[in-house]
C-alpha atoms as a PDB file:
ATOM      1  CA  MET A   1      38.118 -58.458 -56.668  1.00  0.00           C
ATOM      2  CA  VAL A   2      37.718 -54.423 -56.469  1.00  0.00           C
ATOM      3  CA  GLU A   3      34.058 -53.527 -55.849  1.00  0.00           C
ATOM      4  CA  SER A   4      31.987 -50.381 -55.988  1.00  0.00           C
ATOM      5  CA  ASN A   5      33.330 -50.326 -59.234  1.00  0.00           C
ATOM      6  CA  PHE A   6      29.750 -49.994 -60.934  1.00  0.00           C
ATOM      7  CA  ILE A   7      26.874 -47.458 -61.720  1.00  0.00           C
ATOM      8  CA  LEU A   8      23.530 -48.067 -62.258  1.00  0.00           C
ATOM      9  CA  ARG A   9      22.689 -45.669 -65.140  1.00  0.00           C
ATOM     10  CA  GLU A  10      19.453 -45.116 -67.413  1.00  0.00           C
ATOM     11  CA  PHE A  11      18.626 -44.578 -70.537  1.00  0.00           C
ATOM     12  CA  GLU A  12      15.138 -43.877 -72.216  1.00  0.00           C
ATOM     13  CA  GLY A  13      13.974 -45.519 -68.283  1.00  0.00           C
ATOM     14  CA  LEU A  14      15.470 -48.876 -69.589  1.00  0.00           C
ATOM     15  CA  PRO A  15      18.209 -49.301 -65.818  1.00  0.00           C
ATOM     16  CA  PHE A  16      21.376 -51.051 -66.660  1.00  0.00           C
ATOM     17  CA  TYR A  17      25.053 -51.644 -64.325  1.00  0.00           C
ATOM     18  CA  SER A  18      27.598 -50.189 -65.749  1.00  0.00           C
ATOM     19  CA  CYS A  19      31.180 -50.779 -65.347  1.00  0.00           C
ATOM     20  CA  ARG A  20      33.563 -47.115 -64.444  1.00  0.00           C
ATOM     21  CA  ALA A  21      36.430 -48.948 -65.828  1.00  0.00           C
ATOM     22  CA  LEU A  22      35.542 -50.064 -68.837  1.00  0.00           C
ATOM     23  CA  GLU A  23      33.599 -46.981 -69.439  1.00  0.00           C
ATOM     24  CA  GLU A  24      36.845 -45.532 -70.249  1.00  0.00           C
ATOM     25  CA  VAL A  25      38.082 -47.480 -72.765  1.00  0.00           C
ATOM     26  CA  PRO A  26      37.289 -45.713 -76.133  1.00  0.00           C
ATOM     27  CA  SER A  27      34.898 -46.883 -78.772  1.00  0.00           C
ATOM     28  CA  LEU A  28      33.514 -49.787 -76.167  1.00  0.00           C
ATOM     29  CA  CYS A  29      30.379 -49.410 -74.252  1.00  0.00           C
ATOM     30  CA  HIS A  30      28.871 -52.541 -72.369  1.00  0.00           C
ATOM     31  CA  GLY A  31      25.858 -53.356 -69.989  1.00  0.00           C
ATOM     32  CA  PHE A  32      24.216 -55.366 -67.830  1.00  0.00           C
ATOM     33  CA  SER A  33      21.485 -55.872 -67.684  1.00  0.00           C
ATOM     34  CA  THR A  34      18.251 -56.343 -65.511  1.00  0.00           C
ATOM     35  CA  ARG A  35      14.177 -57.643 -65.201  1.00  0.00           C
ATOM     36  CA  HIS A  36      13.469 -53.953 -65.977  1.00  0.00           C
ATOM     37  CA  GLY A  37      12.945 -52.579 -69.224  1.00  0.00           C
ATOM     38  CA  ASN A  38      10.916 -49.581 -67.523  1.00  0.00           C
ATOM     39  CA  ASN A  39      12.180 -48.171 -64.345  1.00  0.00           C
ATOM     40  CA  ARG A  40      10.043 -46.008 -63.492  1.00  0.00           C
ATOM     41  CA  ASN A  41       7.560 -48.715 -64.190  1.00  0.00           C
ATOM     42  CA  PHE A  42       7.937 -51.865 -61.825  1.00  0.00           C
ATOM     43  CA  SER A  43       5.719 -53.448 -61.994  1.00  0.00           C
ATOM     44  CA  ALA A  44       5.825 -53.189 -66.175  1.00  0.00           C
ATOM     45  CA  HIS A  45       6.835 -57.207 -68.414  1.00  0.00           C
ATOM     46  CA  PRO A  46       9.574 -58.176 -67.337  1.00  0.00           C
ATOM     47  CA  PHE A  47      12.675 -57.165 -69.789  1.00  0.00           C
ATOM     48  CA  ASN A  48      13.284 -60.549 -70.524  1.00  0.00           C
ATOM     49  CA  LEU A  49      16.109 -61.064 -73.065  1.00  0.00           C
ATOM     50  CA  GLY A  50      16.778 -65.065 -73.665  1.00  0.00           C
ATOM     51  CA  GLN A  51      14.281 -67.465 -75.623  1.00  0.00           C
ATOM     52  CA  THR A  52      12.514 -68.582 -73.146  1.00  0.00           C
ATOM     53  CA  ALA A  53       8.635 -70.932 -73.613  1.00  0.00           C
ATOM     54  CA  TRP A  54       6.630 -68.284 -72.043  1.00  0.00           C
ATOM     55  CA  ASP A  55       7.655 -64.828 -74.744  1.00  0.00           C
ATOM     56  CA  SER A  56       7.528 -64.309 -77.579  1.00  0.00           C
ATOM     57  CA  ALA A  57      10.627 -64.308 -80.252  1.00  0.00           C
ATOM     58  CA  ASP A  58       9.434 -60.506 -81.351  1.00  0.00           C
ATOM     59  CA  ARG A  59       9.105 -59.087 -77.810  1.00  0.00           C
ATOM     60  CA  VAL A  60      12.839 -60.621 -76.971  1.00  0.00           C
ATOM     61  CA  ASP A  61      14.244 -59.234 -80.651  1.00  0.00           C
ATOM     62  CA  GLN A  62      12.437 -55.932 -79.078  1.00  0.00           C
ATOM     63  CA  ASN A  63      14.604 -55.554 -76.006  1.00  0.00           C
ATOM     64  CA  ARG A  64      16.815 -56.233 -76.805  1.00  0.00           C
ATOM     65  CA  ARG A  65      17.232 -53.820 -79.504  1.00  0.00           C
ATOM     66  CA  ARG A  66      16.384 -51.657 -76.651  1.00  0.00           C
ATOM     67  CA  PHE A  67      18.884 -52.803 -74.716  1.00  0.00           C
ATOM     68  CA  LEU A  68      21.316 -52.259 -77.986  1.00  0.00           C
ATOM     69  CA  ALA A  69      20.014 -49.122 -77.686  1.00  0.00           C
ATOM     70  CA  ALA A  70      20.967 -48.545 -74.503  1.00  0.00           C
ATOM     71  CA  LEU A  71      24.417 -49.118 -74.722  1.00  0.00           C
ATOM     72  CA  ASN A  72      25.107 -46.859 -77.680  1.00  0.00           C
ATOM     73  CA  LEU A  73      25.690 -49.591 -80.314  1.00  0.00           C
ATOM     74  CA  SER A  74      21.923 -50.245 -81.838  1.00  0.00           C
ATOM     75  CA  GLU A  75      25.135 -49.500 -85.381  1.00  0.00           C
ATOM     76  CA  THR A  76      26.110 -53.361 -84.104  1.00  0.00           C
ATOM     77  CA  SER A  77      25.345 -56.283 -85.050  1.00  0.00           C
ATOM     78  CA  LEU A  78      24.541 -58.445 -81.910  1.00  0.00           C
ATOM     79  CA  ALA A  79      26.317 -62.011 -81.273  1.00  0.00           C
ATOM     80  CA  THR A  80      24.739 -64.902 -79.348  1.00  0.00           C
ATOM     81  CA  LEU A  81      25.485 -68.334 -78.059  1.00  0.00           C
ATOM     82  CA  ARG A  82      23.209 -71.615 -77.756  1.00  0.00           C
ATOM     83  CA  GLN A  83      25.121 -71.625 -74.378  1.00  0.00           C
ATOM     84  CA  ILE A  84      25.793 -75.708 -73.510  1.00  0.00           C
ATOM     85  CA  HIS A  85      27.264 -74.888 -70.081  1.00  0.00           C
ATOM     86  CA  SER A  86      31.142 -75.791 -71.818  1.00  0.00           C
ATOM     87  CA  ASP A  87      34.487 -74.239 -72.012  1.00  0.00           C
ATOM     88  CA  ARG A  88      33.959 -73.049 -76.145  1.00  0.00           C
ATOM     89  CA  ILE A  89      34.602 -70.224 -77.420  1.00  0.00           C
ATOM     90  CA  HIS A  90      34.332 -68.464 -80.616  1.00  0.00           C
ATOM     91  CA  MET A  91      35.976 -65.360 -82.160  1.00  0.00           C
ATOM     92  CA  ILE A  92      33.810 -63.559 -84.798  1.00  0.00           C
ATOM     93  CA  GLU A  93      36.696 -61.913 -87.361  1.00  0.00           C
ATOM     94  CA  GLU A  94      33.753 -61.048 -89.788  1.00  0.00           C
ATOM     95  CA  MET A  95      29.609 -60.972 -88.902  1.00  0.00           C
ATOM     96  CA  PRO A  96      27.697 -62.669 -91.400  1.00  0.00           C
ATOM     97  CA  GLY A  97      24.406 -60.875 -92.266  1.00  0.00           C
ATOM     98  CA  ASP A  98      22.544 -64.217 -90.381  1.00  0.00           C
ATOM     99  CA  TRP A  99      23.953 -64.694 -87.474  1.00  0.00           C
ATOM    100  CA  ASN A 100      22.916 -68.218 -86.146  1.00  0.00           C
ATOM    101  CA  PRO A 101      24.140 -68.970 -83.267  1.00  0.00           C
ATOM    102  CA  PRO A 102      26.468 -71.751 -82.667  1.00  0.00           C
ATOM    103  CA  GLU A 103      26.626 -73.254 -79.157  1.00  0.00           C
ATOM    104  CA  GLY A 104      29.504 -72.367 -77.109  1.00  0.00           C
ATOM    105  CA  ASP A 105      30.042 -70.285 -73.852  1.00  0.00           C
ATOM    106  CA  ALA A 106      31.976 -67.666 -74.554  1.00  0.00           C
ATOM    107  CA  LEU A 107      32.506 -65.167 -78.045  1.00  0.00           C
ATOM    108  CA  ILE A 108      35.567 -63.418 -78.364  1.00  0.00           C
ATOM    109  CA  THR A 109      36.415 -60.560 -81.013  1.00  0.00           C
ATOM    110  CA  GLN A 110      38.474 -57.125 -82.482  1.00  0.00           C
ATOM    111  CA  THR A 111      36.676 -56.796 -84.979  1.00  0.00           C
ATOM    112  CA  GLU A 112      34.561 -53.096 -84.856  1.00  0.00           C
ATOM    113  CA  GLY A 113      30.434 -52.485 -85.371  1.00  0.00           C
ATOM    114  CA  VAL A 114      30.138 -56.731 -82.987  1.00  0.00           C
ATOM    115  CA  SER A 115      28.485 -56.578 -79.772  1.00  0.00           C
ATOM    116  CA  LEU A 116      29.074 -60.074 -78.557  1.00  0.00           C
ATOM    117  CA  ALA A 117      26.496 -60.560 -75.471  1.00  0.00           C
ATOM    118  CA  VAL A 118      25.708 -63.512 -72.779  1.00  0.00           C
ATOM    119  CA  GLN A 119      22.291 -64.656 -71.164  1.00  0.00           C
ATOM    120  CA  THR A 120      22.186 -65.424 -67.585  1.00  0.00           C
ATOM    121  CA  ALA A 121      20.101 -66.137 -64.515  1.00  0.00           C
ATOM    122  CA  ASP A 122      22.247 -66.822 -61.413  1.00  0.00           C
ATOM    123  CA  CYS A 123      25.332 -67.985 -63.768  1.00  0.00           C
ATOM    124  CA  LEU A 124      28.323 -65.033 -63.701  1.00  0.00           C
ATOM    125  CA  PRO A 125      28.680 -63.138 -66.563  1.00  0.00           C
ATOM    126  CA  VAL A 126      31.949 -61.804 -67.248  1.00  0.00           C
ATOM    127  CA  LEU A 127      33.163 -59.100 -69.809  1.00  0.00           C
ATOM    128  CA  ILE A 128      36.841 -59.182 -70.818  1.00  0.00           C
ATOM    129  CA  ALA A 129      37.976 -55.422 -72.800  1.00  0.00           C
ATOM    130  CA  ASP A 130      41.823 -55.545 -73.813  1.00  0.00           C
ATOM    131  CA  PRO A 131      42.152 -51.669 -73.743  1.00  0.00           C
ATOM    132  CA  GLY A 132      45.522 -52.060 -76.125  1.00  0.00           C
ATOM    133  CA  ASN A 133      44.233 -53.072 -78.853  1.00  0.00           C
ATOM    134  CA  GLY A 134      40.190 -53.157 -78.219  1.00  0.00           C
ATOM    135  CA  ALA A 135      39.283 -57.009 -78.311  1.00  0.00           C
ATOM    136  CA  VAL A 136      36.519 -57.847 -76.028  1.00  0.00           C
ATOM    137  CA  ALA A 137      35.055 -60.961 -74.334  1.00  0.00           C
ATOM    138  CA  ALA A 138      31.860 -62.520 -72.762  1.00  0.00           C
ATOM    139  CA  VAL A 139      31.578 -65.365 -70.870  1.00  0.00           C
ATOM    140  CA  HIS A 140      28.850 -67.615 -70.160  1.00  0.00           C
ATOM    141  CA  SER A 141      29.974 -69.197 -66.489  1.00  0.00           C
ATOM    142  CA  GLY A 142      27.651 -71.048 -64.737  1.00  0.00           C
ATOM    143  CA  TRP A 143      29.655 -74.255 -62.731  1.00  0.00           C
ATOM    144  CA  ARG A 144      30.184 -76.667 -65.028  1.00  0.00           C
ATOM    145  CA  GLY A 145      31.782 -73.965 -66.744  1.00  0.00           C
ATOM    146  CA  THR A 146      33.688 -72.794 -64.253  1.00  0.00           C
ATOM    147  CA  LEU A 147      34.854 -76.083 -63.532  1.00  0.00           C
ATOM    148  CA  LYS A 148      35.904 -76.496 -67.246  1.00  0.00           C
ATOM    149  CA  ARG A 149      38.070 -72.830 -66.470  1.00  0.00           C
ATOM    150  CA  ILE A 150      35.780 -71.375 -69.244  1.00  0.00           C
ATOM    151  CA  ALA A 151      37.296 -67.053 -68.037  1.00  0.00           C
ATOM    152  CA  PHE A 152      41.231 -68.450 -68.359  1.00  0.00           C
ATOM    153  CA  GLU A 153      40.362 -70.347 -71.821  1.00  0.00           C
ATOM    154  CA  THR A 154      38.773 -67.797 -72.648  1.00  0.00           C
ATOM    155  CA  ILE A 155      41.891 -65.133 -71.601  1.00  0.00           C
ATOM    156  CA  LEU A 156      44.516 -67.787 -73.104  1.00  0.00           C
ATOM    157  CA  ALA A 157      41.884 -67.530 -76.613  1.00  0.00           C
ATOM    158  CA  MET A 158      42.622 -64.152 -76.570  1.00  0.00           C
ATOM    159  CA  GLN A 159      46.419 -64.190 -76.259  1.00  0.00           C
ATOM    160  CA  LYS A 160      46.193 -66.386 -78.831  1.00  0.00           C
ATOM    161  CA  ALA A 161      44.487 -64.193 -81.393  1.00  0.00           C
ATOM    162  CA  PHE A 162      45.017 -61.153 -80.413  1.00  0.00           C
ATOM    163  CA  ARG A 163      48.298 -61.298 -78.220  1.00  0.00           C
ATOM    164  CA  SER A 164      46.833 -59.838 -75.706  1.00  0.00           C
ATOM    165  CA  ASP A 165      48.321 -58.800 -72.700  1.00  0.00           C
ATOM    166  CA  PRO A 166      47.187 -60.872 -69.155  1.00  0.00           C
ATOM    167  CA  GLY A 167      48.192 -57.737 -67.260  1.00  0.00           C
ATOM    168  CA  ARG A 168      46.681 -54.922 -69.172  1.00  0.00           C
ATOM    169  CA  LEU A 169      42.952 -56.772 -68.905  1.00  0.00           C
ATOM    170  CA  LEU A 170      39.794 -55.298 -67.804  1.00  0.00           C
ATOM    171  CA  VAL A 171      37.133 -57.992 -66.004  1.00  0.00           C
ATOM    172  CA  ALA A 172      34.415 -57.036 -65.358  1.00  0.00           C
ATOM    173  CA  VAL A 173      31.737 -59.738 -63.378  1.00  0.00           C
ATOM    174  CA  GLY A 174      27.994 -59.040 -63.007  1.00  0.00           C
ATOM    175  CA  PRO A 175      24.883 -60.290 -61.492  1.00  0.00           C
ATOM    176  CA  GLY A 176      25.092 -63.587 -60.445  1.00  0.00           C
ATOM    177  CA  ILE A 177      24.675 -66.783 -57.605  1.00  0.00           C
ATOM    178  CA  ARG A 178      26.353 -65.698 -54.030  1.00  0.00           C
ATOM    179  CA  SER A 179      27.633 -68.229 -51.232  1.00  0.00           C
ATOM    180  CA  CYS A 180      24.284 -66.014 -49.190  1.00  0.00           C
ATOM    181  CA  CYS A 181      22.180 -68.627 -51.688  1.00  0.00           C
ATOM    182  CA  TYR A 182      24.068 -71.158 -54.092  1.00  0.00           C
ATOM    183  CA  GLU A 183      23.123 -74.393 -51.664  1.00  0.00           C
ATOM    184  CA  VAL A 184      24.921 -77.649 -53.980  1.00  0.00           C
ATOM    185  CA  GLY A 185      25.221 -81.637 -52.339  1.00  0.00           C
ATOM    186  CA  PRO A 186      28.528 -82.577 -51.646  1.00  0.00           C
ATOM    187  CA  GLU A 187      28.749 -84.441 -55.694  1.00  0.00           C
ATOM    188  CA  VAL A 188      29.004 -80.580 -56.610  1.00  0.00           C
ATOM    189  CA  SER A 189      31.139 -79.507 -53.469  1.00  0.00           C
ATOM    190  CA  GLY A 190      33.708 -82.209 -54.089  1.00  0.00           C
ATOM    191  CA  LEU A 191      34.261 -81.406 -57.606  1.00  0.00           C
ATOM    192  CA  PHE A 192      35.064 -77.545 -56.194  1.00  0.00           C
ATOM    193  CA  GLU A 193      37.500 -79.482 -53.487  1.00  0.00           C
ATOM    194  CA  ASP A 194      39.182 -81.183 -56.191  1.00  0.00           C
ATOM    195  CA  LYS A 195      39.543 -78.585 -58.422  1.00  0.00           C
ATOM    196  CA  TYR A 196      40.598 -75.744 -56.136  1.00  0.00           C
ATOM    197  CA  PRO A 197      41.351 -76.753 -53.246  1.00  0.00           C
ATOM    198  CA  GLU A 198      43.107 -73.467 -52.177  1.00  0.00           C
ATOM    199  CA  ALA A 199      40.067 -71.347 -53.008  1.00  0.00           C
ATOM    200  CA  ALA A 200      37.880 -72.682 -49.900  1.00  0.00           C
ATOM    201  CA  ALA A 201      34.833 -72.291 -52.429  1.00  0.00           C
ATOM    202  CA  THR A 202      32.276 -74.135 -51.194  1.00  0.00           C
ATOM    203  CA  LEU A 203      31.474 -74.129 -46.568  1.00  0.00           C
ATOM    204  CA  PRO A 204      29.168 -76.218 -45.325  1.00  0.00           C
ATOM    205  CA  ALA A 205      25.393 -75.524 -44.838  1.00  0.00           C
ATOM    206  CA  PRO A 206      24.664 -73.885 -41.809  1.00  0.00           C
ATOM    207  CA  GLY A 207      21.562 -76.316 -40.085  1.00  0.00           C
ATOM    208  CA  ARG A 208      21.182 -78.587 -43.511  1.00  0.00           C
ATOM    209  CA  PRO A 209      23.726 -81.668 -43.492  1.00  0.00           C
ATOM    210  CA  GLY A 210      24.806 -82.641 -46.039  1.00  0.00           C
ATOM    211  CA  LYS A 211      24.528 -79.222 -47.683  1.00  0.00           C
ATOM    212  CA  PHE A 212      26.835 -77.060 -48.959  1.00  0.00           C
ATOM    213  CA  LEU A 213      27.230 -72.630 -50.131  1.00  0.00           C
ATOM    214  CA  LEU A 214      29.045 -72.963 -53.378  1.00  0.00           C
ATOM    215  CA  ASP A 215      30.829 -69.402 -53.794  1.00  0.00           C
ATOM    216  CA  MET A 216      32.784 -68.783 -57.987  1.00  0.00           C
ATOM    217  CA  THR A 217      33.249 -66.382 -57.398  1.00  0.00           C
ATOM    218  CA  LYS A 218      35.873 -67.695 -56.074  1.00  0.00           C
ATOM    219  CA  ALA A 219      36.763 -70.160 -57.867  1.00  0.00           C
ATOM    220  CA  LEU A 220      36.680 -67.775 -61.117  1.00  0.00           C
ATOM    221  CA  LYS A 221      39.433 -65.465 -58.528  1.00  0.00           C
ATOM    222  CA  VAL A 222      41.746 -68.340 -58.637  1.00  0.00           C
ATOM    223  CA  GLN A 223      41.770 -68.773 -62.677  1.00  0.00           C
ATOM    224  CA  LEU A 224      41.850 -64.708 -63.074  1.00  0.00           C
ATOM    225  CA  HIS A 225      45.033 -65.400 -60.988  1.00  0.00           C
ATOM    226  CA  VAL A 226      46.324 -67.649 -63.144  1.00  0.00           C
ATOM    227  CA  ALA A 227      45.617 -66.520 -66.453  1.00  0.00           C
ATOM    228  CA  GLY A 228      47.736 -63.661 -64.775  1.00  0.00           C
ATOM    229  CA  ILE A 229      45.576 -60.353 -64.268  1.00  0.00           C
ATOM    230  CA  HIS A 230      45.662 -57.959 -61.857  1.00  0.00           C
ATOM    231  CA  PRO A 231      43.745 -58.202 -59.040  1.00  0.00           C
ATOM    232  CA  GLY A 232      43.155 -54.498 -59.169  1.00  0.00           C
ATOM    233  CA  ASN A 233      42.242 -55.196 -63.111  1.00  0.00           C
ATOM    234  CA  ILE A 234      38.431 -57.363 -61.699  1.00  0.00           C
ATOM    235  CA  TYR A 235      35.517 -55.434 -60.889  1.00  0.00           C
ATOM    236  CA  ASP A 236      32.868 -57.596 -59.505  1.00  0.00           C
ATOM    237  CA  LEU A 237      29.259 -55.800 -58.782  1.00  0.00           C
ATOM    238  CA  GLY A 238      29.016 -58.113 -55.975  1.00  0.00           C
ATOM    239  CA  LEU A 239      25.423 -58.810 -55.875  1.00  0.00           C
ATOM    240  CA  CYS A 240      23.051 -62.166 -55.810  1.00  0.00           C
ATOM    241  CA  THR A 241      20.386 -62.530 -58.205  1.00  0.00           C
ATOM    242  CA  CYS A 242      19.044 -64.376 -55.896  1.00  0.00           C
ATOM    243  CA  CYS A 243      18.948 -62.832 -53.261  1.00  0.00           C
ATOM    244  CA  ASN A 244      17.601 -59.357 -54.848  1.00  0.00           C
ATOM    245  CA  ALA A 245      13.912 -60.321 -56.699  1.00  0.00           C
ATOM    246  CA  ASP A 246      13.480 -56.530 -57.307  1.00  0.00           C
ATOM    247  CA  THR A 247      15.850 -57.108 -59.483  1.00  0.00           C
ATOM    248  CA  PHE A 248      17.529 -59.232 -61.512  1.00  0.00           C
ATOM    249  CA  PHE A 249      15.932 -63.296 -62.639  1.00  0.00           C
ATOM    250  CA  SER A 250      16.972 -66.148 -61.028  1.00  0.00           C
ATOM    251  CA  TYR A 251      16.191 -69.408 -62.093  1.00  0.00           C
ATOM    252  CA  ARG A 252      16.383 -71.193 -58.401  1.00  0.00           C
ATOM    253  CA  ARG A 253      14.651 -68.878 -57.447  1.00  0.00           C
ATOM    254  CA  GLU A 254      12.436 -68.518 -59.883  1.00  0.00           C
ATOM    255  CA  GLY A 255      11.897 -72.026 -61.953  1.00  0.00           C
ATOM    256  CA  ALA A 256      11.371 -72.210 -65.120  1.00  0.00           C
ATOM    257  CA  PRO A 257       9.575 -68.759 -65.484  1.00  0.00           C
ATOM    258  CA  SER A 258      12.050 -67.839 -64.732  1.00  0.00           C
ATOM    259  CA  GLY A 259      13.428 -64.525 -67.486  1.00  0.00           C
ATOM    260  CA  ARG A 260      17.666 -64.322 -69.257  1.00  0.00           C
ATOM    261  CA  MET A 261      19.555 -60.729 -68.879  1.00  0.00           C
ATOM    262  CA  LEU A 262      22.389 -59.614 -71.189  1.00  0.00           C
ATOM    263  CA  ALA A 263      25.947 -59.077 -70.485  1.00  0.00           C
ATOM    264  CA  LEU A 264      27.150 -57.341 -73.745  1.00  0.00           C
ATOM    265  CA  ILE A 265      30.422 -56.092 -74.427  1.00  0.00           C
ATOM    266  CA  GLY A 266      30.691 -54.215 -78.124  1.00  0.00           C
ATOM    267  CA  LEU A 267      32.848 -51.658 -79.999  1.00  0.00           C
ATOM    268  CA  LYS A 268      31.155 -49.312 -81.656  1.00  0.00           C
ATOM    269  CA  LYS A 269      31.399 -48.181 -85.690  1.00  0.00           C
ATOM    270  CA  GLN A 270      33.512 -45.556 -86.074  1.00  0.00           C
ATOM    271  CA  GLY A 271      32.191 -42.060 -86.358  1.00  0.00           C
ATOM    272  CA  HIS A 272      28.643 -44.008 -83.887  1.00  0.00           C
ATOM    273  CA  ASP A 273      28.851 -42.272 -80.624  1.00  0.00           C
ATOM    274  CA  ARG A 274      25.726 -40.231 -78.603  1.00  0.00           C
ATOM    275  CA  ASN A 275      26.372 -37.677 -76.479  1.00  0.00           C
ATOM    276  CA  LYS A 276      27.489 -39.220 -72.892  1.00  0.00           C
ATOM    277  CA  GLU A 277      25.535 -37.080 -71.064  1.00  0.00           C
ATOM    278  CA  GLU A 278      22.537 -38.520 -71.914  1.00  0.00           C
ATOM    279  CA  GLN A 279      22.628 -40.943 -70.313  1.00  0.00           C
ATOM    280  CA  ASN A 280      21.475 -40.835 -66.618  1.00  0.00           C
ATOM    281  CA  ASN A 281      23.242 -42.324 -63.346  1.00  0.00           C
ATOM    282  CA  ILE A 282      19.970 -43.739 -61.275  1.00  0.00           C
END
């Protein structure tokens, strides 16, 4: 995986991470949100983008509209999922006016005017773009989804639906819990050893007998390699949600009060663009 290809951008005070390689694809916009909706006032109300028990639906909808605007995707329709830690993938050919999120953990489309998003608060968010035919995907990969090879299955679905060439796909992995903080028991460790013996995805936790540290990105890299993704086309933000309490939500760290971030990718409608100079680097 290639690191240091990300940049922290800001639009009207709202910070988000962007992958430079994906920025080069025409008509494509994307971003990974943080826990902040105003870069100049980090003590403000958390920038929650998920439907949680402690936040109002109206505020979440407003936050989502702000995030879409920051990514230059205000004119697109937003598609999300009721995530169930599965390998279920949904293709959007035509966006209904009243979107009812289906159960699943990945979305794919080639349709202009549609944005795809997955919610995370430790699980790995994966955005995929095909520069050749304009197809895009958003993937939610927690430990269960990683075991079920959700990223591999998504790439396979893009091949079947859009004739995507895996060797040309660009993959951006956003903020997620990393091996420094992801302690699991022997049951989960054993599952990864069986499923990904070549990955060495778990190591004994120092000073914690019977506990292991899980590196989901190693298992993800195996999936992407098997799918045919070029190693130089895989970009990893490399930041741990649990370590970086001031920047990201983390369910492992915060529990039920944790908010949710969005990893979002979309295809602008023809003729709708904003001067890139309006997006400033932080």
